[in-house]
PDB file of N, CA and C in Angstrom:
ATOM      1  N   MET A   1     -16.396  -0.585   0.337  1.00  0.00           N
ATOM      2  CA  MET A   1     -14.787  -1.332   0.390  1.00  0.00           C
ATOM      3  C   MET A   1     -14.737  -2.792   0.289  1.00  0.00           C
ATOM      4  N   LEU A   2     -13.444  -2.720  -0.242  1.00  0.00           N
ATOM      5  CA  LEU A   2     -13.134  -4.581  -0.371  1.00  0.00           C
ATOM      6  C   LEU A   2     -12.537  -4.842   0.640  1.00  0.00           C
ATOM      7  N   PRO A   3     -12.749  -6.238   1.119  1.00  0.00           N
ATOM      8  CA  PRO A   3     -12.263  -6.987   2.505  1.00  0.00           C
ATOM      9  C   PRO A   3     -10.357  -7.021   1.939  1.00  0.00           C
ATOM     10  N   PRO A   4      -9.927  -7.212   2.733  1.00  0.00           N
ATOM     11  CA  PRO A   4      -8.609  -6.739   2.559  1.00  0.00           C
ATOM     12  C   PRO A   4      -8.342  -8.730   2.187  1.00  0.00           C
ATOM     13  N   LYS A   5      -7.064  -8.576   0.731  1.00  0.00           N
ATOM     14  CA  LYS A   5      -6.919  -9.638   0.099  1.00  0.00           C
ATOM     15  C   LYS A   5      -5.443 -10.247   1.075  1.00  0.00           C
ATOM     16  N   LYS A   6      -5.698 -11.327   1.064  1.00  0.00           N
ATOM     17  CA  LYS A   6      -4.647 -12.236   1.575  1.00  0.00           C
ATOM     18  C   LYS A   6      -3.030 -11.942   0.860  1.00  0.00           C
ATOM     19  N   GLU A   7      -2.272 -12.152   1.338  1.00  0.00           N
ATOM     20  CA  GLU A   7      -1.113 -11.059   0.618  1.00  0.00           C
ATOM     21  C   GLU A   7      -0.262 -12.859   0.307  1.00  0.00           C
ATOM     22  N   PRO A   8      -0.444 -13.119  -1.483  1.00  0.00           N
ATOM     23  CA  PRO A   8       0.536 -14.190  -1.880  1.00  0.00           C
ATOM     24  C   PRO A   8       1.619 -13.965  -1.505  1.00  0.00           C
ATOM     25  N   SER A   9       2.451 -12.823  -1.269  1.00  0.00           N
ATOM     26  CA  SER A   9       3.960 -13.101  -1.061  1.00  0.00           C
ATOM     27  C   SER A   9       4.273 -13.534   0.510  1.00  0.00           C
ATOM     28  N   THR A  10       3.572 -13.130   1.201  1.00  0.00           N
ATOM     29  CA  THR A  10       3.591 -13.726   2.433  1.00  0.00           C
ATOM     30  C   THR A  10       3.919 -15.268   2.622  1.00  0.00           C
ATOM     31  N   GLU A  11       3.157 -15.724   1.983  1.00  0.00           N
ATOM     32  CA  GLU A  11       3.189 -17.517   1.327  1.00  0.00           C
ATOM     33  C   GLU A  11       4.144 -17.887   1.036  1.00  0.00           C
ATOM     34  N   ASN A  12       4.601 -17.307  -0.577  1.00  0.00           N
ATOM     35  CA  ASN A  12       5.796 -17.068  -0.931  1.00  0.00           C
ATOM     36  C   ASN A  12       6.934 -16.915  -0.242  1.00  0.00           C
ATOM     37  N   GLU A  13       7.261 -16.277   0.544  1.00  0.00           N
ATOM     38  CA  GLU A  13       7.957 -15.810   1.028  1.00  0.00           C
ATOM     39  C   GLU A  13       8.441 -16.762   2.573  1.00  0.00           C
ATOM     40  N   ARG A  14       7.508 -17.422   2.914  1.00  0.00           N
ATOM     41  CA  ARG A  14       7.852 -18.675   3.969  1.00  0.00           C
ATOM     42  C   ARG A  14       8.138 -19.587   3.264  1.00  0.00           C
ATOM     43  N   THR A  15       7.728 -19.885   2.265  1.00  0.00           N
ATOM     44  CA  THR A  15       8.077 -21.155   1.609  1.00  0.00           C
ATOM     45  C   THR A  15       9.425 -20.957   1.296  1.00  0.00           C
ATOM     46  N   LEU A  16      10.254 -19.523   0.469  1.00  0.00           N
ATOM     47  CA  LEU A  16      11.282 -19.371   0.236  1.00  0.00           C
ATOM     48  C   LEU A  16      11.973 -19.503   1.086  1.00  0.00           C
ATOM     49  N   THR A  17      11.810 -19.279   2.212  1.00  0.00           N
ATOM     50  CA  THR A  17      12.602 -19.476   3.846  1.00  0.00           C
ATOM     51  C   THR A  17      12.714 -21.329   4.022  1.00  0.00           C
ATOM     52  N   ALA A  18      11.773 -21.623   3.873  1.00  0.00           N
ATOM     53  CA  ALA A  18      12.134 -22.809   4.067  1.00  0.00           C
ATOM     54  C   ALA A  18      12.432 -23.780   3.183  1.00  0.00           C
ATOM     55  N   LEU A  19      12.838 -23.718   1.835  1.00  0.00           N
ATOM     56  CA  LEU A  19      13.272 -23.817   0.862  1.00  0.00           C
ATOM     57  C   LEU A  19      14.955 -23.671   0.910  1.00  0.00           C
ATOM     58  N   ARG A  20      15.273 -22.132   1.437  1.00  0.00           N
ATOM     59  CA  ARG A  20      16.532 -21.810   1.673  1.00  0.00           C
ATOM     60  C   ARG A  20      16.990 -22.753   2.835  1.00  0.00           C
ATOM     61  N   LEU A  21      16.203 -22.724   3.670  1.00  0.00           N
ATOM     62  CA  LEU A  21      16.952 -23.811   4.934  1.00  0.00           C
ATOM     63  C   LEU A  21      16.932 -25.578   4.505  1.00  0.00           C
ATOM     64  N   ASP A  22      16.171 -25.709   3.298  1.00  0.00           N
ATOM     65  CA  ASP A  22      16.437 -26.914   2.919  1.00  0.00           C
ATOM     66  C   ASP A  22      17.624 -27.364   2.454  1.00  0.00           C
ATOM     67  N   LEU A  23      18.049 -26.445   1.428  1.00  0.00           N
ATOM     68  CA  LEU A  23      19.317 -26.070   0.616  1.00  0.00           C
ATOM     69  C   LEU A  23      20.720 -26.097   1.508  1.00  0.00           C
ATOM     70  N   ASP A  24      19.988 -25.108   2.681  1.00  0.00           N
ATOM     71  CA  ASP A  24      21.682 -25.377   3.523  1.00  0.00           C
ATOM     72  C   ASP A  24      21.893 -26.529   3.852  1.00  0.00           C
ATOM     73  N   ALA A  25      20.598 -27.272   4.235  1.00  0.00           N
ATOM     74  CA  ALA A  25      20.766 -28.473   5.264  1.00  0.00           C
ATOM     75  C   ALA A  25      21.674 -29.353   4.381  1.00  0.00           C
ATOM     76  N   ALA A  26      20.874 -29.522   3.238  1.00  0.00           N
ATOM     77  CA  ALA A  26      21.631 -30.450   1.720  1.00  0.00           C
ATOM     78  C   ALA A  26      23.256 -30.128   1.831  1.00  0.00           C
ATOM     79  N   LYS A  27      23.024 -28.722   1.650  1.00  0.00           N
ATOM     80  CA  LYS A  27      25.000 -28.611   1.501  1.00  0.00           C
ATOM     81  C   LYS A  27      25.635 -28.745   2.600  1.00  0.00           C
ATOM     82  N   ASN A  28      25.050 -29.013   3.930  1.00  0.00           N
ATOM     83  CA  ASN A  28      26.289 -29.184   5.002  1.00  0.00           C
ATOM     84  C   ASN A  28      26.396 -30.806   5.029  1.00  0.00           C
ATOM     85  N   ARG A  29      24.979 -31.484   4.439  1.00  0.00           N
ATOM     86  CA  ARG A  29      25.010 -32.882   4.202  1.00  0.00           C
ATOM     87  C   ARG A  29      26.498 -33.327   3.755  1.00  0.00           C
ATOM     88  N   VAL A  30      26.727 -32.225   2.804  1.00  0.00           N
ATOM     89  CA  VAL A  30      27.483 -32.858   1.420  1.00  0.00           C
ATOM     90  C   VAL A  30      29.099 -32.676   2.141  1.00  0.00           C
ATOM     91  N   ARG A  31      29.067 -31.333   3.178  1.00  0.00           N
ATOM     92  CA  ARG A  31      30.206 -31.055   3.662  1.00  0.00           C
ATOM     93  C   ARG A  31      30.634 -32.406   4.856  1.00  0.00           C
ATOM     94  N   ALA A  32      29.918 -33.157   5.431  1.00  0.00           N
ATOM     95  CA  ALA A  32      29.820 -33.733   6.269  1.00  0.00           C
ATOM     96  C   ALA A  32      30.000 -35.183   5.804  1.00  0.00           C
ATOM     97  N   ALA A  33      29.469 -35.323   4.371  1.00  0.00           N
ATOM     98  CA  ALA A  33      29.860 -37.007   3.643  1.00  0.00           C
ATOM     99  C   ALA A  33      31.539 -37.439   3.912  1.00  0.00           C
ATOM    100  N   LYS A  34      31.594 -38.591   4.168  1.00  0.00           N
ATOM    101  CA  LYS A  34      32.599 -39.255   4.759  1.00  0.00           C
ATOM    102  C   LYS A  34      33.427 -39.759   3.404  1.00  0.00           C
ATOM    103  N   THR A  35      32.552 -40.328   2.364  1.00  0.00           N
ATOM    104  CA  THR A  35      33.304 -40.870   1.332  1.00  0.00           C
ATOM    105  C   THR A  35      32.805 -39.895  -0.247  1.00  0.00           C
ATOM    106  N   ALA A  36      33.738 -40.228  -1.395  1.00  0.00           N
ATOM    107  CA  ALA A  36      33.238 -39.727  -2.656  1.00  0.00           C
ATOM    108  C   ALA A  36      31.769 -40.051  -3.013  1.00  0.00           C
ATOM    109  N   ASP A  37      31.624 -41.430  -2.974  1.00  0.00           N
ATOM    110  CA  ASP A  37      29.970 -41.703  -3.318  1.00  0.00           C
ATOM    111  C   ASP A  37      28.976 -41.550  -2.705  1.00  0.00           C
ATOM    112  N   GLU A  38      29.106 -41.496  -1.166  1.00  0.00           N
ATOM    113  CA  GLU A  38      27.970 -40.877   0.031  1.00  0.00           C
ATOM    114  C   GLU A  38      28.024 -38.920  -0.588  1.00  0.00           C
ATOM    115  N   MET A  39      29.090 -38.493  -1.211  1.00  0.00           N
ATOM    116  CA  MET A  39      29.234 -36.914  -1.299  1.00  0.00           C
ATOM    117  C   MET A  39      28.322 -36.630  -2.759  1.00  0.00           C
ATOM    118  N   LYS A  40      28.589 -37.233  -3.695  1.00  0.00           N
ATOM    119  CA  LYS A  40      28.164 -37.488  -4.946  1.00  0.00           C
ATOM    120  C   LYS A  40      26.376 -37.651  -5.255  1.00  0.00           C
ATOM    121  N   GLU A  41      26.194 -38.951  -4.251  1.00  0.00           N
ATOM    122  CA  GLU A  41      25.073 -38.871  -4.143  1.00  0.00           C
ATOM    123  C   GLU A  41      24.286 -37.589  -3.915  1.00  0.00           C
ATOM    124  N   LEU A  42      24.627 -37.279  -2.092  1.00  0.00           N
ATOM    125  CA  LEU A  42      24.132 -36.046  -1.655  1.00  0.00           C
ATOM    126  C   LEU A  42      23.902 -34.582  -2.573  1.00  0.00           C
ATOM    127  N   GLU A  43      25.078 -34.930  -3.448  1.00  0.00           N
ATOM    128  CA  GLU A  43      24.857 -33.546  -3.891  1.00  0.00           C
ATOM    129  C   GLU A  43      23.649 -33.263  -5.433  1.00  0.00           C
ATOM    130  N   GLN A  44      23.305 -34.650  -5.548  1.00  0.00           N
ATOM    131  CA  GLN A  44      22.170 -34.658  -6.309  1.00  0.00           C
ATOM    132  C   GLN A  44      21.065 -33.903  -5.552  1.00  0.00           C
ATOM    133  N   PHE A  45      20.777 -34.284  -4.356  1.00  0.00           N
ATOM    134  CA  PHE A  45      19.933 -33.484  -3.462  1.00  0.00           C
ATOM    135  C   PHE A  45      20.172 -32.238  -3.552  1.00  0.00           C
ATOM    136  N   VAL A  46      21.329 -31.522  -3.355  1.00  0.00           N
ATOM    137  CA  VAL A  46      21.531 -29.775  -3.240  1.00  0.00           C
ATOM    138  C   VAL A  46      21.130 -29.711  -4.405  1.00  0.00           C
ATOM    139  N   ASP A  47      21.543 -30.132  -5.667  1.00  0.00           N
ATOM    140  CA  ASP A  47      20.945 -29.663  -7.165  1.00  0.00           C
ATOM    141  C   ASP A  47      19.559 -29.358  -7.099  1.00  0.00           C
ATOM    142  N   GLU A  48      18.525 -30.786  -6.360  1.00  0.00           N
ATOM    143  CA  GLU A  48      17.405 -30.662  -6.403  1.00  0.00           C
ATOM    144  C   GLU A  48      16.393 -29.856  -5.547  1.00  0.00           C
ATOM    145  N   ALA A  49      17.398 -29.120  -4.616  1.00  0.00           N
ATOM    146  CA  ALA A  49      17.152 -28.335  -3.454  1.00  0.00           C
ATOM    147  C   ALA A  49      17.211 -26.758  -4.177  1.00  0.00           C
ATOM    148  N   GLN A  50      18.403 -26.589  -4.758  1.00  0.00           N
ATOM    149  CA  GLN A  50      18.789 -25.928  -5.734  1.00  0.00           C
ATOM    150  C   GLN A  50      17.831 -25.363  -6.659  1.00  0.00           C
ATOM    151  N   LYS A  51      17.346 -26.339  -7.509  1.00  0.00           N
ATOM    152  CA  LYS A  51      16.362 -26.072  -8.426  1.00  0.00           C
ATOM    153  C   LYS A  51      15.286 -25.345  -8.035  1.00  0.00           C
ATOM    154  N   LYS A  52      14.426 -26.303  -6.790  1.00  0.00           N
ATOM    155  CA  LYS A  52      13.596 -25.825  -6.211  1.00  0.00           C
ATOM    156  C   LYS A  52      13.529 -24.051  -5.647  1.00  0.00           C
ATOM    157  N   PHE A  53      14.369 -24.277  -4.917  1.00  0.00           N
ATOM    158  CA  PHE A  53      14.963 -22.662  -4.186  1.00  0.00           C
ATOM    159  C   PHE A  53      14.786 -21.553  -5.456  1.00  0.00           C
ATOM    160  N   ASP A  54      15.346 -21.781  -6.920  1.00  0.00           N
ATOM    161  CA  ASP A  54      15.592 -21.115  -7.726  1.00  0.00           C
ATOM    162  C   ASP A  54      13.968 -20.370  -8.065  1.00  0.00           C
ATOM    163  N   GLU A  55      13.407 -21.676  -8.369  1.00  0.00           N
ATOM    164  CA  GLU A  55      12.045 -21.487  -8.619  1.00  0.00           C
ATOM    165  C   GLU A  55      11.033 -20.838  -7.819  1.00  0.00           C
ATOM    166  N   GLN A  56      11.346 -20.816  -6.843  1.00  0.00           N
ATOM    167  CA  GLN A  56      10.442 -20.024  -6.141  1.00  0.00           C
ATOM    168  C   GLN A  56      10.977 -18.742  -5.683  1.00  0.00           C
ATOM    169  N   TYR A  57      12.311 -18.455  -5.950  1.00  0.00           N
ATOM    170  CA  TYR A  57      12.904 -17.067  -5.634  1.00  0.00           C
ATOM    171  C   TYR A  57      12.523 -16.437  -6.992  1.00  0.00           C
ATOM    172  N   GLU A  58      12.167 -17.005  -7.863  1.00  0.00           N
ATOM    173  CA  GLU A  58      11.993 -16.208  -9.378  1.00  0.00           C
ATOM    174  C   GLU A  58      10.269 -15.834  -9.172  1.00  0.00           C
ATOM    175  N   LEU A  59       9.217 -16.747  -8.461  1.00  0.00           N
ATOM    176  CA  LEU A  59       8.150 -16.601  -8.342  1.00  0.00           C
ATOM    177  C   LEU A  59       7.950 -15.475  -6.847  1.00  0.00           C
ATOM    178  N   CYS A  60       8.869 -15.484  -6.092  1.00  0.00           N
ATOM    179  CA  CYS A  60       8.611 -14.141  -5.084  1.00  0.00           C
ATOM    180  C   CYS A  60       8.984 -12.846  -5.899  1.00  0.00           C
ATOM    181  N   ARG A  61       9.944 -12.866  -6.534  1.00  0.00           N
ATOM    182  CA  ARG A  61      10.593 -11.764  -7.454  1.00  0.00           C
ATOM    183  C   ARG A  61       9.531 -11.165  -8.285  1.00  0.00           C
ATOM    184  N   GLU A  62       8.391 -11.962  -8.892  1.00  0.00           N
ATOM    185  CA  GLU A  62       7.513 -11.769  -9.951  1.00  0.00           C
ATOM    186  C   GLU A  62       6.282 -11.217  -9.279  1.00  0.00           C
ATOM    187  N   VAL A  63       6.303 -11.736  -7.926  1.00  0.00           N
ATOM    188  CA  VAL A  63       4.746 -10.904  -7.060  1.00  0.00           C
ATOM    189  C   VAL A  63       5.544  -9.963  -6.342  1.00  0.00           C
ATOM    190  N   LEU A  64       6.688  -9.692  -6.257  1.00  0.00           N
ATOM    191  CA  LEU A  64       7.441  -8.246  -5.556  1.00  0.00           C
ATOM    192  C   LEU A  64       7.174  -7.468  -6.679  1.00  0.00           C
ATOM    193  N   GLU A  65       7.790  -7.710  -8.249  1.00  0.00           N
ATOM    194  CA  GLU A  65       7.559  -6.747  -9.078  1.00  0.00           C
ATOM    195  C   GLU A  65       6.275  -6.462  -9.389  1.00  0.00           C
ATOM    196  N   ASP A  66       5.383  -7.050  -9.397  1.00  0.00           N
ATOM    197  CA  ASP A  66       3.956  -6.721  -9.920  1.00  0.00           C
ATOM    198  C   ASP A  66       3.330  -5.778  -8.111  1.00  0.00           C
ATOM    199  N   ARG A  67       3.688  -6.067  -7.435  1.00  0.00           N
ATOM    200  CA  ARG A  67       3.312  -5.114  -6.080  1.00  0.00           C
ATOM    201  C   ARG A  67       3.983  -3.780  -6.325  1.00  0.00           C
ATOM    202  N   ASP A  68       5.501  -4.152  -7.012  1.00  0.00           N
ATOM    203  CA  ASP A  68       5.973  -2.361  -7.503  1.00  0.00           C
ATOM    204  C   ASP A  68       5.133  -1.528  -8.464  1.00  0.00           C
ATOM    205  N   GLN A  69       5.077  -2.704  -9.286  1.00  0.00           N
ATOM    206  CA  GLN A  69       3.850  -1.777 -10.183  1.00  0.00           C
ATOM    207  C   GLN A  69       2.981  -1.568  -9.987  1.00  0.00           C
ATOM    208  N   GLN A  70       1.620  -1.922  -9.202  1.00  0.00           N
ATOM    209  CA  GLN A  70       0.527  -1.503  -8.560  1.00  0.00           C
ATOM    210  C   GLN A  70       0.401  -0.483  -7.846  1.00  0.00           C
ATOM    211  N   ASN A  71       1.827  -0.599  -6.556  1.00  0.00           N
ATOM    212  CA  ASN A  71       2.189   0.648  -5.971  1.00  0.00           C
ATOM    213  C   ASN A  71       2.341   1.987  -6.682  1.00  0.00           C
ATOM    214  N   ALA A  72       2.627   2.019  -7.863  1.00  0.00           N
ATOM    215  CA  ALA A  72       3.344   2.847  -8.436  1.00  0.00           C
ATOM    216  C   ALA A  72       1.908   3.454  -9.118  1.00  0.00           C
ATOM    217  N   ALA A  73       1.152   2.406  -9.709  1.00  0.00           N
ATOM    218  CA  ALA A  73      -0.205   3.509 -10.550  1.00  0.00           C
ATOM    219  C   ALA A  73      -1.150   4.001  -9.216  1.00  0.00           C
ATOM    220  N   MET A  74      -0.802   3.055  -7.501  1.00  0.00           N
ATOM    221  CA  MET A  74      -1.905   3.708  -6.847  1.00  0.00           C
ATOM    222  C   MET A  74      -1.262   5.451  -6.635  1.00  0.00           C
ATOM    223  N   VAL A  75       0.410   5.318  -6.481  1.00  0.00           N
ATOM    224  CA  VAL A  75       0.386   6.749  -6.783  1.00  0.00           C
ATOM    225  C   VAL A  75       0.064   7.587  -7.729  1.00  0.00           C
ATOM    226  N   VAL A  76      -0.026   7.408  -8.587  1.00  0.00           N
ATOM    227  CA  VAL A  76      -0.221   7.826  -9.913  1.00  0.00           C
ATOM    228  C   VAL A  76      -1.820   8.350  -9.588  1.00  0.00           C
ATOM    229  N   HIS A  77      -2.792   7.151  -9.225  1.00  0.00           N
ATOM    230  CA  HIS A  77      -4.492   7.796  -8.741  1.00  0.00           C
ATOM    231  C   HIS A  77      -4.071   8.563  -7.509  1.00  0.00           C
ATOM    232  N   LEU A  78      -3.311   8.423  -6.735  1.00  0.00           N
ATOM    233  CA  LEU A  78      -3.547   9.464  -5.416  1.00  0.00           C
ATOM    234  C   LEU A  78      -3.356  10.801  -5.997  1.00  0.00           C
ATOM    235  N   GLU A  79      -2.401  11.131  -6.624  1.00  0.00           N
ATOM    236  CA  GLU A  79      -1.457  12.541  -6.950  1.00  0.00           C
ATOM    237  C   GLU A  79      -3.018  12.904  -7.645  1.00  0.00           C
ATOM    238  N   ASP A  80      -3.469  11.931  -8.894  1.00  0.00           N
ATOM    239  CA  ASP A  80      -4.437  13.001  -9.641  1.00  0.00           C
ATOM    240  C   ASP A  80      -5.611  13.123  -8.652  1.00  0.00           C
ATOM    241  N   LEU A  81      -6.179  12.440  -7.530  1.00  0.00           N
ATOM    242  CA  LEU A  81      -6.980  12.307  -6.949  1.00  0.00           C
ATOM    243  C   LEU A  81      -6.736  13.765  -6.250  1.00  0.00           C
ATOM    244  N   CYS A  82      -5.501  13.983  -5.518  1.00  0.00           N
ATOM    245  CA  CYS A  82      -4.827  15.293  -4.714  1.00  0.00           C
ATOM    246  C   CYS A  82      -4.925  16.177  -5.646  1.00  0.00           C
ATOM    247  N   LYS A  83      -5.045  16.632  -7.063  1.00  0.00           N
ATOM    248  CA  LYS A  83      -5.160  17.867  -7.703  1.00  0.00           C
ATOM    249  C   LYS A  83      -6.605  17.564  -8.066  1.00  0.00           C
ATOM    250  N   VAL A  84      -7.386  16.899  -8.189  1.00  0.00           N
ATOM    251  CA  VAL A  84      -9.073  17.299  -8.299  1.00  0.00           C
ATOM    252  C   VAL A  84      -9.563  17.983  -7.094  1.00  0.00           C
ATOM    253  N   GLN A  85      -9.076  17.403  -5.847  1.00  0.00           N
ATOM    254  CA  GLN A  85      -9.773  17.976  -4.847  1.00  0.00           C
ATOM    255  C   GLN A  85      -9.045  19.613  -4.493  1.00  0.00           C
ATOM    256  N   VAL A  86      -7.867  19.604  -5.186  1.00  0.00           N
ATOM    257  CA  VAL A  86      -7.312  21.050  -4.565  1.00  0.00           C
ATOM    258  C   VAL A  86      -8.113  21.867  -5.378  1.00  0.00           C
ATOM    259  N   ASP A  87      -8.116  21.623  -6.912  1.00  0.00           N
ATOM    260  CA  ASP A  87      -8.981  22.452  -7.671  1.00  0.00           C
ATOM    261  C   ASP A  87     -10.507  22.386  -7.044  1.00  0.00           C
ATOM    262  N   TYR A  88     -11.059  21.335  -7.022  1.00  0.00           N
ATOM    263  CA  TYR A  88     -12.657  21.283  -6.320  1.00  0.00           C
ATOM    264  C   TYR A  88     -12.407  22.583  -5.478  1.00  0.00           C
ATOM    265  N   PHE A  89     -11.875  22.340  -4.149  1.00  0.00           N
ATOM    266  CA  PHE A  89     -12.188  22.944  -2.611  1.00  0.00           C
ATOM    267  C   PHE A  89     -11.440  24.761  -3.019  1.00  0.00           C
ATOM    268  N   LYS A  90     -10.527  24.582  -4.561  1.00  0.00           N
ATOM    269  CA  LYS A  90     -10.238  26.029  -4.857  1.00  0.00           C
ATOM    270  C   LYS A  90     -11.839  26.982  -5.179  1.00  0.00           C
ATOM    271  N   GLU A  91     -11.981  26.233  -6.033  1.00  0.00           N
ATOM    272  CA  GLU A  91     -13.248  26.399  -6.402  1.00  0.00           C
ATOM    273  C   GLU A  91     -14.613  26.829  -5.664  1.00  0.00           C
ATOM    274  N   ALA A  92     -14.687  26.168  -4.719  1.00  0.00           N
ATOM    275  CA  ALA A  92     -15.470  26.110  -3.724  1.00  0.00           C
ATOM    276  C   ALA A  92     -15.438  27.497  -3.104  1.00  0.00           C
ATOM    277  N   HIS A  93     -13.913  27.540  -3.047  1.00  0.00           N
ATOM    278  CA  HIS A  93     -13.680  28.875  -1.677  1.00  0.00           C
ATOM    279  C   HIS A  93     -13.869  30.043  -2.546  1.00  0.00           C
ATOM    280  N   GLU A  94     -13.619  29.996  -3.634  1.00  0.00           N
ATOM    281  CA  GLU A  94     -14.082  31.456  -4.587  1.00  0.00           C
ATOM    282  C   GLU A  94     -15.735  31.461  -4.517  1.00  0.00           C
ATOM    283  N   LEU A  95     -16.041  30.411  -4.425  1.00  0.00           N
ATOM    284  CA  LEU A  95     -17.911  30.407  -4.782  1.00  0.00           C
ATOM    285  C   LEU A  95     -18.531  31.092  -3.424  1.00  0.00           C
ATOM    286  N   ALA A  96     -17.705  30.791  -2.398  1.00  0.00           N
ATOM    287  CA  ALA A  96     -17.804  30.713  -0.819  1.00  0.00           C
ATOM    288  C   ALA A  96     -17.476  32.317  -0.688  1.00  0.00           C
ATOM    289  N   VAL A  97     -16.311  32.912  -1.005  1.00  0.00           N
ATOM    290  CA  VAL A  97     -16.132  34.420  -1.025  1.00  0.00           C
ATOM    291  C   VAL A  97     -17.272  35.165  -2.049  1.00  0.00           C
ATOM    292  N   GLU A  98     -17.330  34.700  -3.030  1.00  0.00           N
ATOM    293  CA  GLU A  98     -18.584  35.477  -3.758  1.00  0.00           C
ATOM    294  C   GLU A  98     -19.935  35.398  -3.171  1.00  0.00           C
ATOM    295  N   MET A  99     -20.501  34.649  -2.905  1.00  0.00           N
ATOM    296  CA  MET A  99     -21.524  34.302  -2.216  1.00  0.00           C
ATOM    297  C   MET A  99     -21.561  35.341  -1.108  1.00  0.00           C
ATOM    298  N   GLU A 100     -20.326  35.265  -0.504  1.00  0.00           N
ATOM    299  CA  GLU A 100     -20.298  36.326   1.280  1.00  0.00           C
ATOM    300  C   GLU A 100     -20.301  37.348   0.849  1.00  0.00           C
ATOM    301  N   LYS A 101     -19.659  37.855   0.174  1.00  0.00           N
ATOM    302  CA  LYS A 101     -19.907  39.412  -0.946  1.00  0.00           C
ATOM    303  C   LYS A 101     -20.956  39.679  -1.335  1.00  0.00           C
ATOM    304  N   LYS A 102     -21.687  39.061  -2.186  1.00  0.00           N
ATOM    305  CA  LYS A 102     -23.540  39.113  -2.066  1.00  0.00           C
ATOM    306  C   LYS A 102     -24.122  39.286  -1.039  1.00  0.00           C
ATOM    307  N   VAL A 103     -24.548  38.644  -0.149  1.00  0.00           N
ATOM    308  CA  VAL A 103     -25.080  38.372   0.876  1.00  0.00           C
ATOM    309  C   VAL A 103     -24.508  39.403   2.041  1.00  0.00           C
ATOM    310  N   LEU A 104     -23.540  40.282   2.075  1.00  0.00           N
ATOM    311  CA  LEU A 104     -23.262  41.050   2.971  1.00  0.00           C
ATOM    312  C   LEU A 104     -23.225  42.395   2.364  1.00  0.00           C
ATOM    313  N   GLY A 105     -23.187  42.284   0.908  1.00  0.00           N
ATOM    314  CA  GLY A 105     -23.772  43.948   0.240  1.00  0.00           C
ATOM    315  C   GLY A 105     -25.478  43.588  -0.157  1.00  0.00           C
ATOM    316  N   ARG A 106     -26.310  43.292   0.681  1.00  0.00           N
ATOM    317  CA  ARG A 106     -27.307  43.456   0.185  1.00  0.00           C
ATOM    318  C   ARG A 106     -28.042  44.487   1.178  1.00  0.00           C
ATOM    319  N   PRO A 107     -29.380  45.109   0.449  1.00  0.00           N
ATOM    320  CA  PRO A 107     -29.355  46.470   1.333  1.00  0.00           C
ATOM    321  C   PRO A 107     -30.306  46.033   2.353  1.00  0.00           C
ATOM    322  N   THR A 108     -30.612  44.634   2.759  1.00  0.00           N
ATOM    323  CA  THR A 108     -31.393  44.567   3.921  1.00  0.00           C
ATOM    324  C   THR A 108     -30.567  44.501   5.177  1.00  0.00           C
ATOM    325  N   LYS A 109     -31.104  44.706   6.505  1.00  0.00           N
ATOM    326  CA  LYS A 109     -30.357  44.795   7.921  1.00  0.00           C
ATOM    327  C   LYS A 109     -30.260  43.439   8.213  1.00  0.00           C
ATOM    328  N   GLY A 110     -29.714  43.187   7.921  1.00  0.00           N
ATOM    329  CA  GLY A 110     -29.588  41.426   8.356  1.00  0.00           C
ATOM    330  C   GLY A 110     -28.541  41.016  10.040  1.00  0.00           C
ATOM    331  N   LYS A 111     -27.990  42.563  10.142  1.00  0.00           N
ATOM    332  CA  LYS A 111     -27.091  42.553  10.965  1.00  0.00           C
ATOM    333  C   LYS A 111     -28.048  42.739  12.161  1.00  0.00           C
ATOM    334  N   ASP A 112     -29.086  43.530  11.884  1.00  0.00           N
ATOM    335  CA  ASP A 112     -30.077  44.088  13.026  1.00  0.00           C
ATOM    336  C   ASP A 112     -30.509  42.945  13.309  1.00  0.00           C
ATOM    337  N   VAL A 113     -30.877  42.013  12.828  1.00  0.00           N
ATOM    338  CA  VAL A 113     -31.948  41.041  12.609  1.00  0.00           C
ATOM    339  C   VAL A 113     -30.876  39.889  14.101  1.00  0.00           C
ATOM    340  N   ARG A 114     -29.673  40.030  13.290  1.00  0.00           N
ATOM    341  CA  ARG A 114     -28.327  39.051  14.187  1.00  0.00           C
ATOM    342  C   ARG A 114     -28.561  39.715  15.591  1.00  0.00           C
ATOM    343  N   SER A 115     -28.308  40.743  15.851  1.00  0.00           N
ATOM    344  CA  SER A 115     -28.429  41.536  17.027  1.00  0.00           C
ATOM    345  C   SER A 115     -29.519  41.122  18.239  1.00  0.00           C
ATOM    346  N   ARG A 116     -30.438  41.514  17.294  1.00  0.00           N
ATOM    347  CA  ARG A 116     -32.115  41.373  17.804  1.00  0.00           C
ATOM    348  C   ARG A 116     -31.880  39.516  18.373  1.00  0.00           C
ATOM    349  N   LYS A 117     -31.926  38.742  17.293  1.00  0.00           N
ATOM    350  CA  LYS A 117     -32.005  37.409  17.902  1.00  0.00           C
ATOM    351  C   LYS A 117     -30.786  37.351  18.981  1.00  0.00           C
ATOM    352  N   VAL A 118     -29.468  37.742  19.431  1.00  0.00           N
ATOM    353  CA  VAL A 118     -28.785  37.497  20.102  1.00  0.00           C
ATOM    354  C   VAL A 118     -29.401  37.827  21.380  1.00  0.00           C
ATOM    355  N   SER A 119     -30.023  39.233  21.421  1.00  0.00           N
ATOM    356  CA  SER A 119     -30.717  39.781  22.721  1.00  0.00           C
ATOM    357  C   SER A 119     -31.828  39.094  23.166  1.00  0.00           C
ATOM    358  N   SER A 120     -32.420  38.239  22.425  1.00  0.00           N
ATOM    359  CA  SER A 120     -33.379  37.590  22.999  1.00  0.00           C
ATOM    360  C   SER A 120     -33.411  36.405  23.558  1.00  0.00           C
ATOM    361  N   SER A 121     -32.293  35.702  22.730  1.00  0.00           N
ATOM    362  CA  SER A 121     -31.930  34.401  23.609  1.00  0.00           C
ATOM    363  C   SER A 121     -31.086  35.262  25.063  1.00  0.00           C
ATOM    364  N   ASP A 122     -30.306  36.328  25.356  1.00  0.00           N
ATOM    365  CA  ASP A 122     -30.093  36.572  26.567  1.00  0.00           C
ATOM    366  C   ASP A 122     -30.939  36.606  27.851  1.00  0.00           C
ATOM    367  N   GLU A 123     -32.450  36.807  27.458  1.00  0.00           N
ATOM    368  CA  GLU A 123     -33.504  37.147  28.232  1.00  0.00           C
ATOM    369  C   GLU A 123     -33.314  35.695  28.557  1.00  0.00           C
ATOM    370  N   GLU A 124     -33.904  34.799  27.653  1.00  0.00           N
ATOM    371  CA  GLU A 124     -34.132  33.713  28.375  1.00  0.00           C
ATOM    372  C   GLU A 124     -33.478  32.958  29.347  1.00  0.00           C
TER     373      GLU A 124
END
């Protein structure tokens, strides 16, 4: 069995959250700006933060889409496994029933031997 892989999306999601917080903080600084020059300067930080956030968002989206595709493939394999197992156990059951008929239909007196074993174990 393979060791569990570290989830890349968890780290990406944390980074995305941090970048979203940075973007919100930058927007709040723009709103709090007192002069037009200060606002213009801070808007550059907002644009930069928005660009970083958008890049990370796309990365997270790609990772999640990839995971969805992998999950879909796993479901297909699981369906195939279930079908094969059902067929296998169905055939095994049929063979066991056939073997039981042959064993019980033998001309020997297996039932007598079985009853003797039970009675001898009772004596002990």
